[in-house]
PDB file of N, CA and C in Angstrom:
ATOM      1  N   UNK A   1       0.873  -1.174   0.179  1.00  0.00           N
ATOM      2  CA  UNK A   1      -0.098   0.188   0.136  1.00  0.00           C
ATOM      3  C   UNK A   1       0.885   1.216   0.132  1.00  0.00           C
ATOM      4  N   UNK A   2       0.429   1.770  -0.220  1.00  0.00           N
ATOM      5  CA  UNK A   2       1.199   3.460  -0.580  1.00  0.00           C
ATOM      6  C   UNK A   2       0.419   4.326   0.177  1.00  0.00           C
ATOM      7  N   UNK A   3       1.460   5.662   0.797  1.00  0.00           N
ATOM      8  CA  UNK A   3       0.866   6.590   1.750  1.00  0.00           C
ATOM      9  C   UNK A   3      -0.391   7.115   1.325  1.00  0.00           C
ATOM     10  N   UNK A   4      -0.359   7.269  -0.527  1.00  0.00           N
ATOM     11  CA  UNK A   4      -1.601   7.863  -1.062  1.00  0.00           C
ATOM     12  C   UNK A   4      -2.938   7.178  -0.588  1.00  0.00           C
ATOM     13  N   UNK A   5      -3.005   5.780  -0.961  1.00  0.00           N
ATOM     14  CA  UNK A   5      -4.204   5.158  -0.744  1.00  0.00           C
ATOM     15  C   UNK A   5      -4.477   5.111   0.914  1.00  0.00           C
ATOM     16  N   UNK A   6      -3.688   5.122   1.650  1.00  0.00           N
ATOM     17  CA  UNK A   6      -3.950   4.766   2.945  1.00  0.00           C
ATOM     18  C   UNK A   6      -4.387   6.228   3.619  1.00  0.00           C
ATOM     19  N   UNK A   7      -3.770   7.762   3.265  1.00  0.00           N
ATOM     20  CA  UNK A   7      -4.611   8.550   3.564  1.00  0.00           C
ATOM     21  C   UNK A   7      -6.170   8.641   3.097  1.00  0.00           C
ATOM     22  N   UNK A   8      -6.241   8.253   1.597  1.00  0.00           N
ATOM     23  CA  UNK A   8      -7.578   8.154   0.757  1.00  0.00           C
ATOM     24  C   UNK A   8      -8.360   7.237   1.779  1.00  0.00           C
ATOM     25  N   UNK A   9      -7.894   5.807   2.244  1.00  0.00           N
ATOM     26  CA  UNK A   9      -8.442   4.931   2.873  1.00  0.00           C
ATOM     27  C   UNK A   9      -9.102   5.810   4.083  1.00  0.00           C
ATOM     28  N   UNK A  10      -8.410   6.054   4.871  1.00  0.00           N
ATOM     29  CA  UNK A  10      -8.606   6.886   6.458  1.00  0.00           C
ATOM     30  C   UNK A  10      -9.579   8.327   5.600  1.00  0.00           C
ATOM     31  N   UNK A  11      -9.694   8.649   5.087  1.00  0.00           N
ATOM     32  CA  UNK A  11     -10.664   9.856   4.739  1.00  0.00           C
ATOM     33  C   UNK A  11     -11.849   9.188   4.519  1.00  0.00           C
ATOM     34  N   UNK A  12     -12.047   8.149   3.793  1.00  0.00           N
ATOM     35  CA  UNK A  12     -13.176   7.672   3.410  1.00  0.00           C
ATOM     36  C   UNK A  12     -13.908   6.643   4.633  1.00  0.00           C
ATOM     37  N   UNK A  13     -12.874   6.248   5.592  1.00  0.00           N
ATOM     38  CA  UNK A  13     -13.517   5.522   6.685  1.00  0.00           C
ATOM     39  C   UNK A  13     -13.899   6.486   7.839  1.00  0.00           C
ATOM     40  N   UNK A  14     -13.503   7.898   7.333  1.00  0.00           N
ATOM     41  CA  UNK A  14     -14.069   8.752   8.577  1.00  0.00           C
ATOM     42  C   UNK A  14     -15.504   9.481   7.619  1.00  0.00           C
ATOM     43  N   UNK A  15     -15.115   9.873   6.464  1.00  0.00           N
ATOM     44  CA  UNK A  15     -16.559   9.977   5.955  1.00  0.00           C
ATOM     45  C   UNK A  15     -17.586   9.126   5.944  1.00  0.00           C
ATOM     46  N   UNK A  16     -17.400   7.933   5.891  1.00  0.00           N
ATOM     47  CA  UNK A  16     -18.541   6.923   5.667  1.00  0.00           C
ATOM     48  C   UNK A  16     -19.125   7.032   7.278  1.00  0.00           C
ATOM     49  N   UNK A  17     -18.125   7.241   7.974  1.00  0.00           N
ATOM     50  CA  UNK A  17     -18.411   6.816   9.921  1.00  0.00           C
ATOM     51  C   UNK A  17     -19.893   8.123   9.936  1.00  0.00           C
ATOM     52  N   UNK A  18     -19.407   9.487   9.434  1.00  0.00           N
ATOM     53  CA  UNK A  18     -19.977  10.752   9.909  1.00  0.00           C
ATOM     54  C   UNK A  18     -21.446  10.263   8.660  1.00  0.00           C
ATOM     55  N   UNK A  19     -21.688   9.521   7.505  1.00  0.00           N
ATOM     56  CA  UNK A  19     -22.682   9.395   6.691  1.00  0.00           C
ATOM     57  C   UNK A  19     -23.611   8.333   7.550  1.00  0.00           C
ATOM     58  N   UNK A  20     -22.724   7.284   7.956  1.00  0.00           N
ATOM     59  CA  UNK A  20     -23.659   6.604   8.895  1.00  0.00           C
ATOM     60  C   UNK A  20     -24.164   7.081  10.039  1.00  0.00           C
ATOM     61  N   UNK A  21     -23.655   7.977  10.813  1.00  0.00           N
ATOM     62  CA  UNK A  21     -24.023   8.570  12.333  1.00  0.00           C
ATOM     63  C   UNK A  21     -25.095   9.592  11.547  1.00  0.00           C
ATOM     64  N   UNK A  22     -24.926  10.588  10.803  1.00  0.00           N
ATOM     65  CA  UNK A  22     -25.647  11.636  10.895  1.00  0.00           C
ATOM     66  C   UNK A  22     -26.660  11.445   9.748  1.00  0.00           C
ATOM     67  N   UNK A  23     -26.791  10.644   8.782  1.00  0.00           N
ATOM     68  CA  UNK A  23     -27.466  10.640   7.553  1.00  0.00           C
ATOM     69  C   UNK A  23     -28.483   9.762   7.098  1.00  0.00           C
ATOM     70  N   UNK A  24     -27.733   8.055   7.332  1.00  0.00           N
ATOM     71  CA  UNK A  24     -28.456   6.832   6.941  1.00  0.00           C
ATOM     72  C   UNK A  24     -30.026   6.784   8.062  1.00  0.00           C
ATOM     73  N   UNK A  25     -30.851   6.938   7.196  1.00  0.00           N
ATOM     74  CA  UNK A  25     -32.066   6.476   8.119  1.00  0.00           C
ATOM     75  C   UNK A  25     -32.784   5.352   8.389  1.00  0.00           C
ATOM     76  N   UNK A  26     -32.330   4.191   7.974  1.00  0.00           N
ATOM     77  CA  UNK A  26     -32.688   2.936   7.853  1.00  0.00           C
ATOM     78  C   UNK A  26     -32.841   2.560   9.089  1.00  0.00           C
ATOM     79  N   UNK A  27     -33.651   1.980   9.467  1.00  0.00           N
ATOM     80  CA  UNK A  27     -33.657   1.370  11.005  1.00  0.00           C
ATOM     81  C   UNK A  27     -33.058   0.047  11.395  1.00  0.00           C
ATOM     82  N   UNK A  28     -32.852  -0.802   9.984  1.00  0.00           N
ATOM     83  CA  UNK A  28     -32.337  -2.092  10.242  1.00  0.00           C
ATOM     84  C   UNK A  28     -30.844  -1.856  10.702  1.00  0.00           C
ATOM     85  N   UNK A  29     -30.218  -0.681  10.622  1.00  0.00           N
ATOM     86  CA  UNK A  29     -28.868  -0.457  10.776  1.00  0.00           C
ATOM     87  C   UNK A  29     -28.189  -0.136  12.292  1.00  0.00           C
ATOM     88  N   UNK A  30     -27.860  -1.072  12.937  1.00  0.00           N
ATOM     89  CA  UNK A  30     -27.869  -0.633  14.449  1.00  0.00           C
ATOM     90  C   UNK A  30     -26.809   0.251  14.605  1.00  0.00           C
ATOM     91  N   UNK A  31     -25.944  -0.566  16.144  1.00  0.00           N
ATOM     92  CA  UNK A  31     -25.179   0.619  16.291  1.00  0.00           C
ATOM     93  C   UNK A  31     -24.000   0.027  15.851  1.00  0.00           C
ATOM     94  N   UNK A  32     -23.001   0.826  14.877  1.00  0.00           N
ATOM     95  CA  UNK A  32     -22.212   0.385  13.641  1.00  0.00           C
ATOM     96  C   UNK A  32     -21.223   1.173  13.740  1.00  0.00           C
ATOM     97  N   UNK A  33     -19.598   0.917  14.345  1.00  0.00           N
ATOM     98  CA  UNK A  33     -18.427   1.597  14.265  1.00  0.00           C
ATOM     99  C   UNK A  33     -17.796   1.264  13.179  1.00  0.00           C
ATOM    100  N   UNK A  34     -17.261   2.041  12.236  1.00  0.00           N
ATOM    101  CA  UNK A  34     -16.170   2.271  11.010  1.00  0.00           C
ATOM    102  C   UNK A  34     -14.939   1.813  11.771  1.00  0.00           C
ATOM    103  N   UNK A  35     -14.001   0.770  11.449  1.00  0.00           N
ATOM    104  CA  UNK A  35     -12.864   0.577  12.309  1.00  0.00           C
ATOM    105  C   UNK A  35     -11.863   0.905  11.569  1.00  0.00           C
ATOM    106  N   UNK A  36     -11.887   0.660   9.740  1.00  0.00           N
ATOM    107  CA  UNK A  36     -11.123   1.042   9.105  1.00  0.00           C
ATOM    108  C   UNK A  36     -11.112   1.106   7.266  1.00  0.00           C
ATOM    109  N   UNK A  37     -10.447   1.639   6.676  1.00  0.00           N
ATOM    110  CA  UNK A  37     -10.947   1.293   5.034  1.00  0.00           C
ATOM    111  C   UNK A  37      -9.864   1.085   4.189  1.00  0.00           C
ATOM    112  N   UNK A  38      -9.662   0.276   3.525  1.00  0.00           N
ATOM    113  CA  UNK A  38      -8.603  -0.294   2.595  1.00  0.00           C
ATOM    114  C   UNK A  38      -9.341  -0.219   1.244  1.00  0.00           C
ATOM    115  N   UNK A  39      -8.450   0.771   0.312  1.00  0.00           N
ATOM    116  CA  UNK A  39      -8.981   1.110  -0.583  1.00  0.00           C
ATOM    117  C   UNK A  39      -7.679   0.168  -1.995  1.00  0.00           C
ATOM    118  N   UNK A  40      -8.239  -0.536  -2.817  1.00  0.00           N
ATOM    119  CA  UNK A  40      -6.974  -0.757  -4.461  1.00  0.00           C
ATOM    120  C   UNK A  40      -6.393   0.156  -4.208  1.00  0.00           C
ATOM    121  N   UNK A  41      -5.202   0.139  -5.221  1.00  0.00           N
ATOM    122  CA  UNK A  41      -4.387   1.096  -5.789  1.00  0.00           C
ATOM    123  C   UNK A  41      -4.718   1.796  -6.881  1.00  0.00           C
ATOM    124  N   UNK A  42      -5.588   1.239  -7.356  1.00  0.00           N
ATOM    125  CA  UNK A  42      -6.488   1.630  -9.027  1.00  0.00           C
ATOM    126  C   UNK A  42      -7.363   2.667  -8.123  1.00  0.00           C
ATOM    127  N   UNK A  43      -8.300   2.725  -7.165  1.00  0.00           N
ATOM    128  CA  UNK A  43      -8.996   3.245  -6.429  1.00  0.00           C
ATOM    129  C   UNK A  43     -10.619   3.257  -6.500  1.00  0.00           C
ATOM    130  N   UNK A  44     -10.179   1.894  -7.449  1.00  0.00           N
ATOM    131  CA  UNK A  44     -11.350   1.403  -7.728  1.00  0.00           C
ATOM    132  C   UNK A  44     -12.537   0.942  -6.617  1.00  0.00           C
ATOM    133  N   UNK A  45     -11.823   0.142  -5.855  1.00  0.00           N
ATOM    134  CA  UNK A  45     -12.974  -0.699  -5.009  1.00  0.00           C
ATOM    135  C   UNK A  45     -12.191  -0.075  -3.391  1.00  0.00           C
ATOM    136  N   UNK A  46     -13.279   0.058  -3.090  1.00  0.00           N
ATOM    137  CA  UNK A  46     -12.961   0.418  -1.132  1.00  0.00           C
ATOM    138  C   UNK A  46     -13.515  -0.603   0.099  1.00  0.00           C
ATOM    139  N   UNK A  47     -12.804  -1.521   0.728  1.00  0.00           N
ATOM    140  CA  UNK A  47     -13.357  -2.591   1.531  1.00  0.00           C
ATOM    141  C   UNK A  47     -13.399  -1.594   2.700  1.00  0.00           C
ATOM    142  N   UNK A  48     -14.258  -1.243   3.266  1.00  0.00           N
ATOM    143  CA  UNK A  48     -14.632  -0.690   4.639  1.00  0.00           C
ATOM    144  C   UNK A  48     -15.187  -1.847   5.937  1.00  0.00           C
ATOM    145  N   UNK A  49     -14.346  -1.605   6.733  1.00  0.00           N
ATOM    146  CA  UNK A  49     -14.311  -3.018   7.664  1.00  0.00           C
ATOM    147  C   UNK A  49     -15.396  -2.080   9.254  1.00  0.00           C
ATOM    148  N   UNK A  50     -16.230  -2.681   9.356  1.00  0.00           N
ATOM    149  CA  UNK A  50     -17.414  -2.029  10.581  1.00  0.00           C
ATOM    150  C   UNK A  50     -17.622  -3.447  11.533  1.00  0.00           C
ATOM    151  N   UNK A  51     -17.419  -3.070  12.815  1.00  0.00           N
ATOM    152  CA  UNK A  51     -17.767  -3.601  13.652  1.00  0.00           C
ATOM    153  C   UNK A  51     -19.595  -3.413  14.081  1.00  0.00           C
ATOM    154  N   UNK A  52     -20.172  -4.214  14.786  1.00  0.00           N
ATOM    155  CA  UNK A  52     -21.894  -4.142  14.719  1.00  0.00           C
ATOM    156  C   UNK A  52     -21.921  -4.325  16.337  1.00  0.00           C
ATOM    157  N   UNK A  53     -22.534  -3.739  17.042  1.00  0.00           N
ATOM    158  CA  UNK A  53     -23.150  -3.735  18.738  1.00  0.00           C
ATOM    159  C   UNK A  53     -24.146  -4.949  18.393  1.00  0.00           C
ATOM    160  N   UNK A  54     -24.019  -6.086  18.980  1.00  0.00           N
ATOM    161  CA  UNK A  54     -25.598  -6.590  19.340  1.00  0.00           C
ATOM    162  C   UNK A  54     -25.076  -8.387  18.449  1.00  0.00           C
ATOM    163  N   UNK A  55     -26.178  -9.091  19.072  1.00  0.00           N
ATOM    164  CA  UNK A  55     -25.948 -10.346  18.560  1.00  0.00           C
ATOM    165  C   UNK A  55     -25.872 -10.774  17.359  1.00  0.00           C
ATOM    166  N   UNK A  56     -25.351 -12.199  16.944  1.00  0.00           N
ATOM    167  CA  UNK A  56     -25.475 -12.595  15.455  1.00  0.00           C
ATOM    168  C   UNK A  56     -26.563 -11.794  14.435  1.00  0.00           C
ATOM    169  N   UNK A  57     -28.115 -11.994  14.718  1.00  0.00           N
ATOM    170  CA  UNK A  57     -29.004 -11.692  14.125  1.00  0.00           C
ATOM    171  C   UNK A  57     -29.028  -9.873  13.899  1.00  0.00           C
ATOM    172  N   UNK A  58     -28.558  -9.329  14.620  1.00  0.00           N
ATOM    173  CA  UNK A  58     -28.493  -7.873  14.048  1.00  0.00           C
ATOM    174  C   UNK A  58     -27.356  -7.488  13.675  1.00  0.00           C
ATOM    175  N   UNK A  59     -26.465  -7.998  13.911  1.00  0.00           N
ATOM    176  CA  UNK A  59     -24.678  -7.722  13.071  1.00  0.00           C
ATOM    177  C   UNK A  59     -25.364  -8.566  11.356  1.00  0.00           C
ATOM    178  N   UNK A  60     -26.079  -9.448  10.932  1.00  0.00           N
ATOM    179  CA  UNK A  60     -26.606  -9.853   9.728  1.00  0.00           C
ATOM    180  C   UNK A  60     -27.453  -8.550   9.367  1.00  0.00           C
ATOM    181  N   UNK A  61     -28.387  -8.290  10.174  1.00  0.00           N
ATOM    182  CA  UNK A  61     -29.612  -7.177   9.694  1.00  0.00           C
ATOM    183  C   UNK A  61     -28.418  -5.571   9.627  1.00  0.00           C
ATOM    184  N   UNK A  62     -27.843  -5.525  10.436  1.00  0.00           N
ATOM    185  CA  UNK A  62     -26.881  -4.046  10.232  1.00  0.00           C
ATOM    186  C   UNK A  62     -26.000  -4.442   8.374  1.00  0.00           C
ATOM    187  N   UNK A  63     -25.657  -5.461   8.607  1.00  0.00           N
ATOM    188  CA  UNK A  63     -24.422  -5.560   7.291  1.00  0.00           C
ATOM    189  C   UNK A  63     -25.597  -5.666   5.877  1.00  0.00           C
ATOM    190  N   UNK A  64     -26.596  -6.097   5.988  1.00  0.00           N
ATOM    191  CA  UNK A  64     -27.512  -6.354   4.867  1.00  0.00           C
ATOM    192  C   UNK A  64     -28.464  -4.529   4.440  1.00  0.00           C
ATOM    193  N   UNK A  65     -28.309  -4.043   5.535  1.00  0.00           N
ATOM    194  CA  UNK A  65     -28.544  -2.502   5.430  1.00  0.00           C
ATOM    195  C   UNK A  65     -27.386  -1.534   5.012  1.00  0.00           C
ATOM    196  N   UNK A  66     -26.259  -1.979   5.747  1.00  0.00           N
ATOM    197  CA  UNK A  66     -25.196  -1.464   4.550  1.00  0.00           C
ATOM    198  C   UNK A  66     -24.993  -1.620   3.478  1.00  0.00           C
ATOM    199  N   UNK A  67     -24.827  -2.937   2.984  1.00  0.00           N
ATOM    200  CA  UNK A  67     -24.886  -3.154   1.451  1.00  0.00           C
ATOM    201  C   UNK A  67     -26.176  -2.472   0.579  1.00  0.00           C
ATOM    202  N   UNK A  68     -27.393  -2.459   1.142  1.00  0.00           N
ATOM    203  CA  UNK A  68     -28.621  -1.679   0.645  1.00  0.00           C
ATOM    204  C   UNK A  68     -28.172  -0.263   0.654  1.00  0.00           C
ATOM    205  N   UNK A  69     -27.620   0.251   1.143  1.00  0.00           N
ATOM    206  CA  UNK A  69     -27.316   2.102   1.514  1.00  0.00           C
ATOM    207  C   UNK A  69     -25.827   2.195   0.436  1.00  0.00           C
ATOM    208  N   UNK A  70     -25.036   0.891   0.582  1.00  0.00           N
ATOM    209  CA  UNK A  70     -23.894   1.806  -0.440  1.00  0.00           C
ATOM    210  C   UNK A  70     -23.632   2.527  -1.621  1.00  0.00           C
ATOM    211  N   UNK A  71     -24.248   2.219  -2.056  1.00  0.00           N
ATOM    212  CA  UNK A  71     -24.941   3.425  -3.390  1.00  0.00           C
ATOM    213  C   UNK A  71     -25.148   4.380  -3.171  1.00  0.00           C
ATOM    214  N   UNK A  72     -25.772   4.803  -2.008  1.00  0.00           N
ATOM    215  CA  UNK A  72     -26.284   6.006  -1.644  1.00  0.00           C
ATOM    216  C   UNK A  72     -24.992   6.659  -0.777  1.00  0.00           C
ATOM    217  N   UNK A  73     -24.028   5.787  -0.404  1.00  0.00           N
ATOM    218  CA  UNK A  73     -23.067   6.501   0.609  1.00  0.00           C
ATOM    219  C   UNK A  73     -21.700   6.524  -0.345  1.00  0.00           C
ATOM    220  N   UNK A  74     -21.415   5.526  -1.948  1.00  0.00           N
ATOM    221  CA  UNK A  74     -21.116   5.543  -2.969  1.00  0.00           C
ATOM    222  C   UNK A  74     -21.166   7.268  -3.392  1.00  0.00           C
ATOM    223  N   UNK A  75     -22.359   7.661  -3.261  1.00  0.00           N
ATOM    224  CA  UNK A  75     -22.794   8.988  -4.490  1.00  0.00           C
ATOM    225  C   UNK A  75     -22.612  10.049  -3.222  1.00  0.00           C
ATOM    226  N   UNK A  76     -22.453   9.690  -2.052  1.00  0.00           N
ATOM    227  CA  UNK A  76     -22.035  11.191  -1.032  1.00  0.00           C
ATOM    228  C   UNK A  76     -20.579  11.506  -0.738  1.00  0.00           C
ATOM    229  N   UNK A  77     -20.255  10.213  -1.576  1.00  0.00           N
ATOM    230  CA  UNK A  77     -18.690   9.924  -0.796  1.00  0.00           C
ATOM    231  C   UNK A  77     -17.797  10.994  -2.278  1.00  0.00           C
ATOM    232  N   UNK A  78     -18.515  10.304  -3.434  1.00  0.00           N
ATOM    233  CA  UNK A  78     -18.110  11.096  -4.957  1.00  0.00           C
ATOM    234  C   UNK A  78     -18.185  12.403  -4.539  1.00  0.00           C
ATOM    235  N   UNK A  79     -19.193  13.094  -3.872  1.00  0.00           N
ATOM    236  CA  UNK A  79     -19.485  14.634  -4.096  1.00  0.00           C
ATOM    237  C   UNK A  79     -18.454  15.125  -3.065  1.00  0.00           C
ATOM    238  N   UNK A  80     -18.292  14.570  -1.988  1.00  0.00           N
ATOM    239  CA  UNK A  80     -17.042  15.162  -0.783  1.00  0.00           C
ATOM    240  C   UNK A  80     -15.945  15.054  -0.800  1.00  0.00           C
ATOM    241  N   UNK A  81     -15.374  13.687  -1.751  1.00  0.00           N
ATOM    242  CA  UNK A  81     -13.875  13.585  -1.745  1.00  0.00           C
ATOM    243  C   UNK A  81     -13.883  13.610  -3.259  1.00  0.00           C
ATOM    244  N   UNK A  82     -12.459  14.552  -3.173  1.00  0.00           N
ATOM    245  CA  UNK A  82     -12.396  14.561  -4.669  1.00  0.00           C
ATOM    246  C   UNK A  82     -11.379  13.660  -5.250  1.00  0.00           C
ATOM    247  N   UNK A  83     -11.407  12.634  -6.000  1.00  0.00           N
ATOM    248  CA  UNK A  83     -10.665  11.680  -6.371  1.00  0.00           C
ATOM    249  C   UNK A  83     -11.143  11.300  -7.575  1.00  0.00           C
ATOM    250  N   UNK A  84     -10.148  10.985  -8.922  1.00  0.00           N
ATOM    251  CA  UNK A  84     -10.616  10.309 -10.144  1.00  0.00           C
ATOM    252  C   UNK A  84     -11.797   9.611 -10.212  1.00  0.00           C
ATOM    253  N   UNK A  85     -11.571   8.269  -9.289  1.00  0.00           N
ATOM    254  CA  UNK A  85     -12.891   7.370  -9.721  1.00  0.00           C
ATOM    255  C   UNK A  85     -13.291   7.221  -8.001  1.00  0.00           C
ATOM    256  N   UNK A  86     -14.815   7.344  -7.767  1.00  0.00           N
ATOM    257  CA  UNK A  86     -15.075   7.361  -6.376  1.00  0.00           C
ATOM    258  C   UNK A  86     -14.889   5.767  -5.950  1.00  0.00           C
ATOM    259  N   UNK A  87     -14.754   5.227  -5.266  1.00  0.00           N
ATOM    260  CA  UNK A  87     -14.789   3.472  -5.181  1.00  0.00           C
ATOM    261  C   UNK A  87     -15.870   2.764  -4.988  1.00  0.00           C
ATOM    262  N   UNK A  88     -16.031   1.364  -5.448  1.00  0.00           N
ATOM    263  CA  UNK A  88     -17.064   0.952  -5.033  1.00  0.00           C
ATOM    264  C   UNK A  88     -17.097   0.347  -3.588  1.00  0.00           C
ATOM    265  N   UNK A  89     -18.144   0.748  -2.747  1.00  0.00           N
ATOM    266  CA  UNK A  89     -17.781   0.166  -1.352  1.00  0.00           C
ATOM    267  C   UNK A  89     -18.437  -1.100  -1.185  1.00  0.00           C
ATOM    268  N   UNK A  90     -17.461  -1.778  -0.443  1.00  0.00           N
ATOM    269  CA  UNK A  90     -17.808  -3.042  -0.052  1.00  0.00           C
ATOM    270  C   UNK A  90     -17.606  -3.269   2.052  1.00  0.00           C
ATOM    271  N   UNK A  91     -19.070  -3.740   2.405  1.00  0.00           N
ATOM    272  CA  UNK A  91     -18.509  -4.015   3.639  1.00  0.00           C
ATOM    273  C   UNK A  91     -18.195  -4.879   4.272  1.00  0.00           C
ATOM    274  N   UNK A  92     -17.380  -5.093   5.351  1.00  0.00           N
ATOM    275  CA  UNK A  92     -16.861  -6.148   5.481  1.00  0.00           C
ATOM    276  C   UNK A  92     -16.738  -6.240   7.432  1.00  0.00           C
ATOM    277  N   UNK A  93     -17.367  -7.090   7.916  1.00  0.00           N
ATOM    278  CA  UNK A  93     -17.413  -7.247   9.107  1.00  0.00           C
ATOM    279  C   UNK A  93     -15.802  -7.664   9.825  1.00  0.00           C
ATOM    280  N   UNK A  94     -15.643  -6.561  10.749  1.00  0.00           N
ATOM    281  CA  UNK A  94     -14.457  -6.472  11.507  1.00  0.00           C
ATOM    282  C   UNK A  94     -14.739  -7.257  12.828  1.00  0.00           C
ATOM    283  N   UNK A  95     -13.666  -8.505  13.088  1.00  0.00           N
ATOM    284  CA  UNK A  95     -14.391  -9.544  13.899  1.00  0.00           C
ATOM    285  C   UNK A  95     -13.423  -9.257  15.106  1.00  0.00           C
ATOM    286  N   UNK A  96     -12.349  -7.962  15.143  1.00  0.00           N
ATOM    287  CA  UNK A  96     -11.554  -8.071  15.949  1.00  0.00           C
ATOM    288  C   UNK A  96     -11.945  -7.631  17.430  1.00  0.00           C
ATOM    289  N   UNK A  97     -12.863  -7.091  17.520  1.00  0.00           N
ATOM    290  CA  UNK A  97     -13.480  -6.637  19.051  1.00  0.00           C
ATOM    291  C   UNK A  97     -13.937  -8.117  19.328  1.00  0.00           C
ATOM    292  N   UNK A  98     -14.568  -8.631  18.603  1.00  0.00           N
ATOM    293  CA  UNK A  98     -15.237  -9.935  19.395  1.00  0.00           C
ATOM    294  C   UNK A  98     -14.118 -11.180  19.381  1.00  0.00           C
ATOM    295  N   UNK A  99     -13.064 -11.091  18.682  1.00  0.00           N
ATOM    296  CA  UNK A  99     -12.035 -12.112  19.222  1.00  0.00           C
ATOM    297  C   UNK A  99     -11.182 -11.359  20.269  1.00  0.00           C
ATOM    298  N   UNK A 100     -10.749 -10.321  20.226  1.00  0.00           N
ATOM    299  CA  UNK A 100     -10.441  -9.576  21.562  1.00  0.00           C
ATOM    300  C   UNK A 100     -10.918 -10.001  23.172  1.00  0.00           C
ATOM    301  N   UNK A 101     -12.519 -10.187  22.679  1.00  0.00           N
ATOM    302  CA  UNK A 101     -13.654  -9.946  24.026  1.00  0.00           C
ATOM    303  C   UNK A 101     -13.118 -11.757  23.932  1.00  0.00           C
ATOM    304  N   UNK A 102     -13.121 -12.331  23.301  1.00  0.00           N
ATOM    305  CA  UNK A 102     -13.267 -14.116  23.622  1.00  0.00           C
ATOM    306  C   UNK A 102     -12.175 -14.568  24.400  1.00  0.00           C
ATOM    307  N   UNK A 103     -11.058 -13.776  23.996  1.00  0.00           N
ATOM    308  CA  UNK A 103      -9.551 -13.819  24.437  1.00  0.00           C
ATOM    309  C   UNK A 103      -9.392 -13.798  25.674  1.00  0.00           C
ATOM    310  N   UNK A 104     -10.280 -12.238  26.462  1.00  0.00           N
ATOM    311  CA  UNK A 104     -10.605 -11.817  27.552  1.00  0.00           C
ATOM    312  C   UNK A 104     -10.852 -12.925  28.366  1.00  0.00           C
ATOM    313  N   UNK A 105     -12.177 -13.311  27.841  1.00  0.00           N
ATOM    314  CA  UNK A 105     -12.839 -14.085  28.778  1.00  0.00           C
ATOM    315  C   UNK A 105     -12.271 -15.754  28.844  1.00  0.00           C
ATOM    316  N   UNK A 106     -11.424 -16.028  27.697  1.00  0.00           N
ATOM    317  CA  UNK A 106     -10.567 -16.770  28.148  1.00  0.00           C
ATOM    318  C   UNK A 106      -9.609 -17.154  29.427  1.00  0.00           C
ATOM    319  N   UNK A 107      -8.739 -16.026  28.994  1.00  0.00           N
ATOM    320  CA  UNK A 107      -7.836 -15.466  30.263  1.00  0.00           C
ATOM    321  C   UNK A 107      -8.478 -15.382  31.499  1.00  0.00           C
ATOM    322  N   UNK A 108      -9.461 -15.139  31.615  1.00  0.00           N
ATOM    323  CA  UNK A 108     -10.290 -14.688  33.167  1.00  0.00           C
ATOM    324  C   UNK A 108     -10.846 -16.086  33.502  1.00  0.00           C
ATOM    325  N   UNK A 109     -11.115 -17.161  32.330  1.00  0.00           N
ATOM    326  CA  UNK A 109     -11.520 -18.676  32.819  1.00  0.00           C
ATOM    327  C   UNK A 109      -9.766 -19.119  34.061  1.00  0.00           C
ATOM    328  N   UNK A 110      -8.834 -18.830  32.709  1.00  0.00           N
ATOM    329  CA  UNK A 110      -7.815 -19.505  33.198  1.00  0.00           C
ATOM    330  C   UNK A 110      -7.316 -18.775  34.413  1.00  0.00           C
ATOM    331  N   UNK A 111      -7.421 -17.506  34.879  1.00  0.00           N
ATOM    332  CA  UNK A 111      -6.760 -16.893  35.849  1.00  0.00           C
ATOM    333  C   UNK A 111      -7.584 -17.450  37.395  1.00  0.00           C
ATOM    334  N   UNK A 112      -8.920 -17.893  36.919  1.00  0.00           N
ATOM    335  CA  UNK A 112     -10.002 -18.341  37.641  1.00  0.00           C
ATOM    336  C   UNK A 112      -9.571 -19.637  38.724  1.00  0.00           C
ATOM    337  N   UNK A 113      -9.230 -20.233  37.442  1.00  0.00           N
ATOM    338  CA  UNK A 113      -8.875 -21.724  38.204  1.00  0.00           C
ATOM    339  C   UNK A 113      -7.572 -22.125  38.993  1.00  0.00           C
TER     340      UNK A 113
END
């Protein structure tokens, strides 16, 4: 990755976070946090990693809502960020927080034994 793709990825993550927080009105999208975004070298695609608060059903519902809202989010990004191509946005579930909680739980269980 280059410095430019990293900067554009950070900018896209920040803008998408604001869009989700302030402009999306879909009730199926629960409490979602954008953790990062990775843009391909040609700026055609952006993988946006999100964590979703809630159980498995809420996660699936929120991810589906984000996928449906992707064209709308992309159009807003195209107006706000001046780059040659507005990347196609693909939402990915970031499981690192869940894995961290599972590891903490296991460590506490071991500690209590």
